Amino acid sequence: MYIKSNILRQPLHALLLVATLGQGVAQAQAAPALLQAQPAGQSASAVLAPMLGVTKAGKRIVAVGDYGIALLSDDEGKQFRQAGKMPVSSTLTAVSFADDKNGWAVGHWGAIVHTTDGGESWTIQRLNTQEDRPLFSVHFFNAQDGVAVGLWSLVLRTSDGGKTWETVQMPAPPGGGKADRNLFSIFATPKGSLFVAAERGTVLRSDDKGQTWRYLNTGYKGSFWTGLALNDGTLLVAGLRGSLYRSTDDGKSWLAVDSGSKSSLTDLVQVGSRIVGVGLDGVEIESTDGGASFIGKQRDDRLSMTALVANGNSLIRFSRRGVVAEKAGDMH
């Protein structure tokens, strides 16, 4: 299943649920010989573009999404403005900052872009216009060590701040066959272990900053689109049709948890003692017991939610229509 891509131009739920791998898609991914990266255009309506990834850069909020748009907020999410310089106009799917200045965003055409000024301007570190093999997620431990993951078990790692990226050869999955999972969301525990939420009920783990990986058995067969390591080390992965699995033993075993929703979940965050998730069809779920149980609610407008970030004890939400302006009566 191919998500985190081309999300704006069709209904979000249709794209997230349609399998697009196969010969036809592989042929379509062949890029024209003269394809060149184009910078993102400046737009007064940038805040309405779908944002697929968001994080904090110090006190600043940085979100990335379709058309290569990056949005910045310096007032706790009350107002957003578009970054001044972005060298790609293809969809950006995720963003990670090592500190308040150094950040990386990834997306279509295997793009990796880097900023040293908190997201004001970006430069290309990697781009492969010969195939649209998108990167779906990225995590940086510090200003030097980072890992990006994407389509068909694509894993890239750097130890020099992205000046060079090496492709990691992934092991064959249990039972044999090719390493061809789509890797959707990478996240780290407080101790530094890396986990990836992927399709076919797959979770992968690395304890050496992405150099080697092993598969964890969750017992699920569908796709996980997001994952989260809680402050106490508890692991959560969630995705298709509201599926949510929890591990309290460092990923050795997993139990299914009723998420309170049948709509697919796209992001999870911890806010103090709460865990909050968002998803398609305007769904939002919440747990106050470490993810052992959840209660779901839904927006009146059924607006599909794509990402969220904790800002103190509050949440900033993003959707297929950009930044979400909350008002009374939106949820029930």
Protein backbone atom coordinates (compact mmCIF):
# COMPACT_ATOMS: atom_id res chain seq x y z
CA MET A 1 0.00 0.00 0.00
CA TYR A 2 1.36 3.36 -1.11
CA ILE A 3 0.42 6.20 1.23
CA LYS A 4 1.95 9.55 2.14
CA SER A 5 1.86 10.52 -1.52
CA ASN A 6 -0.26 12.52 -3.97
CA ILE A 7 -2.65 13.09 -1.10
CA LEU A 8 -4.05 16.46 -2.12
CA ARG A 9 -5.48 15.83 -5.54
CA GLN A 10 -7.97 13.11 -4.61
CA PRO A 11 -9.98 12.32 -1.47
CA LEU A 12 -7.51 11.36 1.25
CA HIS A 13 -9.27 8.21 2.37
CA ALA A 14 -9.39 6.83 -1.17
CA LEU A 15 -5.66 7.26 -1.65
CA LEU A 16 -4.76 5.83 1.71
CA LEU A 17 -6.81 2.69 1.12
CA VAL A 18 -6.02 1.93 -2.52
CA ALA A 19 -3.15 -0.43 -3.26
CA THR A 20 -1.09 1.02 -6.08
CA LEU A 21 1.88 -1.25 -6.26
CA GLY A 22 2.36 -3.45 -9.31
CA GLN A 23 3.56 -3.31 -12.86
CA GLY A 24 1.46 -0.34 -13.89
CA VAL A 25 2.70 1.81 -11.03
CA ALA A 26 6.29 0.69 -11.50
CA GLN A 27 6.14 1.80 -15.13
CA ALA A 28 4.51 5.08 -14.17
CA GLN A 29 7.33 5.82 -11.75
CA ALA A 30 9.91 6.00 -14.53
CA ALA A 31 10.81 9.70 -14.70
CA PRO A 32 11.22 11.73 -17.90
CA ALA A 33 14.89 12.02 -18.86
CA LEU A 34 14.94 15.79 -18.46
CA LEU A 35 12.97 15.97 -15.21
CA GLN A 36 14.46 18.69 -12.99
CA ALA A 37 13.64 19.76 -9.47
CA GLN A 38 11.55 22.92 -9.33
CA PRO A 39 11.40 25.17 -6.28
CA ALA A 40 8.18 25.43 -4.33
CA GLY A 41 6.10 28.43 -5.29
CA GLN A 42 5.10 31.05 -2.76
CA SER A 43 1.36 31.12 -2.08
CA ALA A 44 -0.90 33.17 0.14
CA SER A 45 -3.00 30.00 0.62
CA ALA A 46 -0.08 27.79 1.70
CA VAL A 47 -1.76 27.16 5.07
CA LEU A 48 -4.52 25.29 3.17
CA ALA A 49 -2.14 22.74 1.65
CA PRO A 50 -2.18 19.25 3.19
CA MET A 51 0.56 18.89 5.79
CA LEU A 52 1.85 15.33 6.21
CA GLY A 53 4.64 15.80 8.75
CA VAL A 54 5.22 18.15 11.66
CA THR A 55 7.73 18.58 14.47
CA LYS A 56 9.24 21.13 16.86
CA ALA A 57 12.47 23.03 16.15
CA GLY A 58 13.12 24.48 19.57
CA LYS A 59 9.99 26.54 20.23
CA ARG A 60 9.16 26.80 16.52
CA ILE A 61 6.63 24.48 14.86
CA VAL A 62 7.65 23.23 11.40
CA ALA A 63 5.23 21.35 9.12
CA VAL A 64 5.76 19.99 5.59
CA GLY A 65 3.42 18.71 2.92
CA ASP A 66 2.22 18.87 -0.65
CA TYR A 67 3.82 21.06 -3.34
CA GLY A 68 7.02 21.21 -1.27
CA ILE A 69 5.38 23.61 1.15
CA ALA A 70 6.93 24.10 4.58
CA LEU A 71 5.02 26.08 7.20
CA LEU A 72 6.53 27.79 10.25
CA SER A 73 4.94 29.11 13.43
CA ASP A 74 6.66 31.11 16.16
CA ASP A 75 3.55 31.84 18.23
CA GLU A 76 2.59 28.35 19.42
CA GLY A 77 0.59 27.56 16.30
CA LYS A 78 -1.68 30.58 16.28
CA GLN A 79 -0.33 31.72 12.92
CA PHE A 80 1.73 30.01 10.22
CA ARG A 81 3.80 31.40 7.36
CA GLN A 82 5.46 29.69 4.42
CA ALA A 83 9.21 29.07 4.45
CA GLY A 84 11.04 31.46 2.15
CA LYS A 85 13.12 28.98 0.16
CA MET A 86 12.34 25.35 -0.69
CA PRO A 87 14.20 23.87 -3.70
CA VAL A 88 11.62 21.13 -4.44
CA SER A 89 7.92 21.32 -5.26
CA SER A 90 7.22 17.60 -4.86
CA THR A 91 5.31 16.28 -1.86
CA LEU A 92 7.20 16.27 1.43
CA THR A 93 6.07 13.57 3.84
CA ALA A 94 8.01 13.98 7.09
CA VAL A 95 10.39 16.27 8.97
CA SER A 96 12.87 15.88 11.84
CA PHE A 97 15.02 18.40 13.72
CA ALA A 98 18.14 17.67 15.75
CA ASP A 99 18.00 21.08 17.45
CA ASP A 100 16.37 24.46 16.87
CA LYS A 101 18.36 25.11 13.66
CA ASN A 102 19.26 21.83 11.95
CA GLY A 103 16.43 19.93 10.31
CA TRP A 104 15.69 17.49 7.48
CA ALA A 105 12.56 16.80 5.44
CA VAL A 106 11.94 13.87 3.07
CA GLY A 107 9.47 13.06 0.33
CA HIS A 108 8.83 12.14 -3.28
CA TRP A 109 11.63 11.37 -5.73
CA GLY A 110 13.59 10.20 -2.70
CA ALA A 111 14.12 13.83 -1.78
CA ILE A 112 16.03 14.84 1.34
CA VAL A 113 16.27 18.57 2.03
CA HIS A 114 18.20 20.23 4.85
CA THR A 115 17.91 23.47 6.78
CA THR A 116 20.42 25.16 9.08
CA ASP A 117 18.24 28.15 9.99
CA GLY A 118 15.22 26.56 11.62
CA GLY A 119 13.32 25.98 8.39
CA GLU A 120 13.55 29.43 6.85
CA SER A 121 15.51 28.06 3.85
CA TRP A 122 16.36 24.56 2.61
CA THR A 123 18.91 22.91 0.33
CA ILE A 124 18.83 19.55 -1.48
CA GLN A 125 20.99 16.78 -0.03
CA ARG A 126 19.54 13.93 -2.07
CA LEU A 127 17.19 13.60 -5.06
CA ASN A 128 16.59 10.72 -7.47
CA THR A 129 14.44 11.80 -10.40
CA GLN A 130 15.00 8.51 -12.23
CA GLU A 131 12.36 6.82 -10.09
CA ASP A 132 9.68 8.10 -7.77
CA ARG A 133 10.61 5.94 -4.79
CA PRO A 134 9.41 8.20 -2.01
CA LEU A 135 10.74 8.45 1.49
CA PHE A 136 7.96 8.38 4.08
CA SER A 137 9.69 9.15 7.37
CA VAL A 138 12.94 10.48 8.86
CA HIS A 139 14.54 10.60 12.30
CA PHE A 140 17.71 12.37 13.44
CA PHE A 141 19.36 11.49 16.74
CA ASN A 142 21.62 14.54 16.60
CA ALA A 143 23.06 16.89 13.97
CA GLN A 144 25.13 14.05 12.44
CA ASP A 145 23.28 10.73 12.74
CA GLY A 146 19.99 10.20 10.91
CA VAL A 147 17.85 7.54 9.20
CA ALA A 148 15.19 7.86 6.48
CA VAL A 149 12.79 5.11 5.35
CA GLY A 150 10.39 4.64 2.47
CA LEU A 151 8.96 2.57 -0.35
CA TRP A 152 9.89 -1.09 -0.78
CA SER A 153 12.15 -1.33 2.29
CA LEU A 154 14.22 1.69 1.30
CA VAL A 155 16.43 2.63 4.27
CA LEU A 156 19.06 5.38 4.11
CA ARG A 157 21.40 6.45 6.88
CA THR A 158 23.94 9.20 7.40
CA SER A 159 26.63 9.88 10.00
CA ASP A 160 27.78 13.22 8.60
CA GLY A 161 24.65 15.34 8.80
CA GLY A 162 23.38 14.24 5.40
CA LYS A 163 26.42 15.16 3.32
CA THR A 164 26.40 11.50 2.27
CA TRP A 165 23.65 8.89 2.53
CA GLU A 166 24.23 5.15 2.34
CA THR A 167 21.58 2.59 1.42
CA VAL A 168 21.11 -0.07 4.09
CA GLN A 169 20.64 -3.62 2.81
CA MET A 170 17.59 -4.88 4.68
CA PRO A 171 17.33 -8.52 5.79
CA ALA A 172 14.80 -10.89 4.25
CA PRO A 173 11.56 -11.01 6.25
CA PRO A 174 10.69 -14.05 8.39
CA GLY A 175 9.62 -16.90 6.14
CA GLY A 176 11.87 -15.77 3.31
CA GLY A 177 11.24 -13.64 0.27
CA LYS A 178 12.44 -10.16 -0.60
CA ALA A 179 12.69 -7.23 1.78
CA ASP A 180 9.91 -5.27 0.08
CA ARG A 181 7.84 -3.80 2.90
CA ASN A 182 6.69 -0.20 2.68
CA LEU A 183 8.17 1.56 5.71
CA PHE A 184 5.80 4.29 6.83
CA SER A 185 6.84 5.75 10.19
CA ILE A 186 10.14 5.73 12.06
CA PHE A 187 10.31 6.57 15.77
CA ALA A 188 12.78 6.24 18.63
CA THR A 189 12.58 5.29 22.29
CA PRO A 190 14.09 7.50 25.02
CA LYS A 191 17.01 5.02 25.13
CA GLY A 192 17.72 5.46 21.41
CA SER A 193 16.33 2.25 19.89
CA LEU A 194 14.69 2.81 16.50
CA PHE A 195 11.39 1.28 15.40
CA VAL A 196 9.58 1.42 12.07
CA ALA A 197 5.83 0.93 11.59
CA ALA A 198 5.27 -0.75 8.24
CA GLU A 199 2.81 -2.71 6.13
CA ARG A 200 1.78 -6.38 6.59
CA GLY A 201 1.68 -5.92 10.35
CA THR A 202 5.43 -5.36 10.35
CA VAL A 203 7.46 -3.54 12.98
CA LEU A 204 11.24 -3.37 12.54
CA ARG A 205 13.84 -2.56 15.16
CA SER A 206 17.41 -1.24 15.14
CA ASP A 207 19.69 -0.73 18.13
CA ASP A 208 22.67 0.69 16.21
CA LYS A 209 21.23 3.84 14.64
CA GLY A 210 19.87 2.07 11.59
CA GLN A 211 22.87 -0.02 10.55
CA THR A 212 21.16 -3.38 11.18
CA TRP A 213 17.50 -4.32 11.57
CA ARG A 214 15.32 -7.16 12.75
CA TYR A 215 11.62 -7.94 12.37
CA LEU A 216 9.17 -8.04 15.26
CA ASN A 217 6.01 -10.15 15.14
CA THR A 218 2.86 -8.25 16.09
CA GLY A 219 0.33 -10.84 14.93
CA TYR A 220 -1.39 -8.28 12.69
CA LYS A 221 -1.67 -8.58 8.89
CA GLY A 222 -2.62 -5.03 7.86
CA SER A 223 -0.65 -1.79 7.53
CA PHE A 224 0.69 0.32 10.38
CA TRP A 225 0.93 3.99 9.39
CA THR A 226 2.26 5.54 12.59
CA GLY A 227 4.10 4.66 15.77
CA LEU A 228 5.05 6.19 19.10
CA ALA A 229 7.41 5.38 21.98
CA LEU A 230 6.07 6.72 25.27
CA ASN A 231 8.28 8.28 27.89
CA ASP A 232 8.18 5.06 29.93
CA GLY A 233 9.23 2.94 26.93
CA THR A 234 5.78 1.58 26.04
CA LEU A 235 5.42 1.18 22.26
CA LEU A 236 2.32 1.89 20.18
CA VAL A 237 1.72 1.31 16.46
CA ALA A 238 -1.51 2.12 14.64
CA GLY A 239 -2.97 2.32 11.17
CA LEU A 240 -5.48 0.69 8.87
CA ARG A 241 -9.14 0.63 9.99
CA GLY A 242 -8.31 1.86 13.48
CA SER A 243 -5.90 -0.96 14.26
CA LEU A 244 -3.69 -0.27 17.29
CA TYR A 245 -1.13 -2.54 18.97
CA ARG A 246 0.78 -2.03 22.22
CA SER A 247 3.99 -3.47 23.67
CA THR A 248 5.19 -3.02 27.25
CA ASP A 249 8.24 -5.31 26.95
CA ASP A 250 10.39 -3.44 24.43
CA GLY A 251 8.65 -4.96 21.40
CA LYS A 252 9.02 -8.63 22.39
CA SER A 253 5.24 -9.12 22.46
CA TRP A 254 2.26 -7.10 21.24
CA LEU A 255 -1.41 -6.91 22.21
CA ALA A 256 -4.25 -5.47 20.16
CA VAL A 257 -5.96 -2.48 21.78
CA ASP A 258 -9.44 -1.18 20.92
CA SER A 259 -8.68 2.28 19.56
CA GLY A 260 -12.28 3.43 19.79
CA SER A 261 -12.46 3.91 16.03
CA LYS A 262 -12.76 1.95 12.77
CA SER A 263 -11.24 4.78 10.74
CA SER A 264 -7.57 4.55 9.80
CA LEU A 265 -5.15 6.32 12.16
CA THR A 266 -2.43 8.61 10.79
CA ASP A 267 -0.52 10.04 13.79
CA LEU A 268 0.03 9.60 17.53
CA VAL A 269 1.56 11.93 20.14
CA GLN A 270 2.05 12.01 23.90
CA VAL A 271 0.87 15.13 25.69
CA GLY A 272 1.75 14.95 29.37
CA SER A 273 -0.18 11.96 30.72
CA ARG A 274 -2.40 11.74 27.63
CA ILE A 275 -1.87 9.91 24.35
CA VAL A 276 -3.76 11.41 21.42
CA GLY A 277 -4.18 10.07 17.90
CA VAL A 278 -5.84 11.40 14.76
CA GLY A 279 -7.03 9.77 11.58
CA LEU A 280 -9.30 9.76 8.59
CA ASP A 281 -12.97 10.81 8.70
CA GLY A 282 -12.26 13.42 11.40
CA VAL A 283 -11.44 10.82 14.05
CA GLU A 284 -9.50 11.62 17.20
CA ILE A 285 -8.69 9.08 19.93
CA GLU A 286 -7.37 9.59 23.45
CA SER A 287 -5.90 7.48 26.24
CA THR A 288 -5.16 8.43 29.82
CA ASP A 289 -3.85 5.03 30.95
CA GLY A 290 -0.66 4.67 28.92
CA GLY A 291 -2.38 3.37 25.82
CA ALA A 292 -4.13 0.42 27.48
CA SER A 293 -7.51 1.81 26.40
CA PHE A 294 -8.78 4.62 24.18
CA ILE A 295 -11.91 6.68 23.69
CA GLY A 296 -12.75 7.95 20.21
CA LYS A 297 -14.59 11.03 19.00
CA GLN A 298 -15.24 12.55 15.59
CA ARG A 299 -15.35 15.97 14.00
CA ASP A 300 -18.73 17.14 12.76
CA ASP A 301 -17.23 17.97 9.36
CA ARG A 302 -15.46 14.53 9.06
CA LEU A 303 -12.27 16.34 8.03
CA SER A 304 -9.49 13.76 7.57
CA MET A 305 -6.57 14.51 9.88
CA THR A 306 -3.00 13.89 8.76
CA ALA A 307 -0.63 14.99 11.54
CA LEU A 308 -0.43 16.63 14.95
CA VAL A 309 2.19 17.98 17.31
CA ALA A 310 2.22 18.61 21.04
CA ASN A 311 2.87 22.19 22.09
CA GLY A 312 3.11 22.18 25.86
CA ASN A 313 -0.20 20.72 27.02
CA SER A 314 -2.02 21.70 23.83
CA LEU A 315 -2.19 20.16 20.36
CA ILE A 316 -1.78 21.64 16.88
CA ARG A 317 -3.63 19.59 14.26
CA PHE A 318 -3.17 19.33 10.49
CA SER A 319 -5.43 17.92 7.80
CA ARG A 320 -6.01 17.39 4.10
CA ARG A 321 -7.02 21.08 4.09
CA GLY A 322 -3.95 22.32 5.93
CA VAL A 323 -3.74 23.84 9.39
CA VAL A 324 -6.84 23.12 11.46
CA ALA A 325 -8.43 26.15 13.07
CA GLU A 326 -10.26 24.78 16.09
CA LYS A 327 -13.59 26.15 17.17
CA ALA A 328 -16.30 25.13 19.57
CA GLY A 329 -18.45 22.24 18.41
CA ASP A 330 -15.91 20.73 16.02
CA MET A 331 -15.76 17.42 17.90
CA HIS A 332 -18.40 15.16 19.39
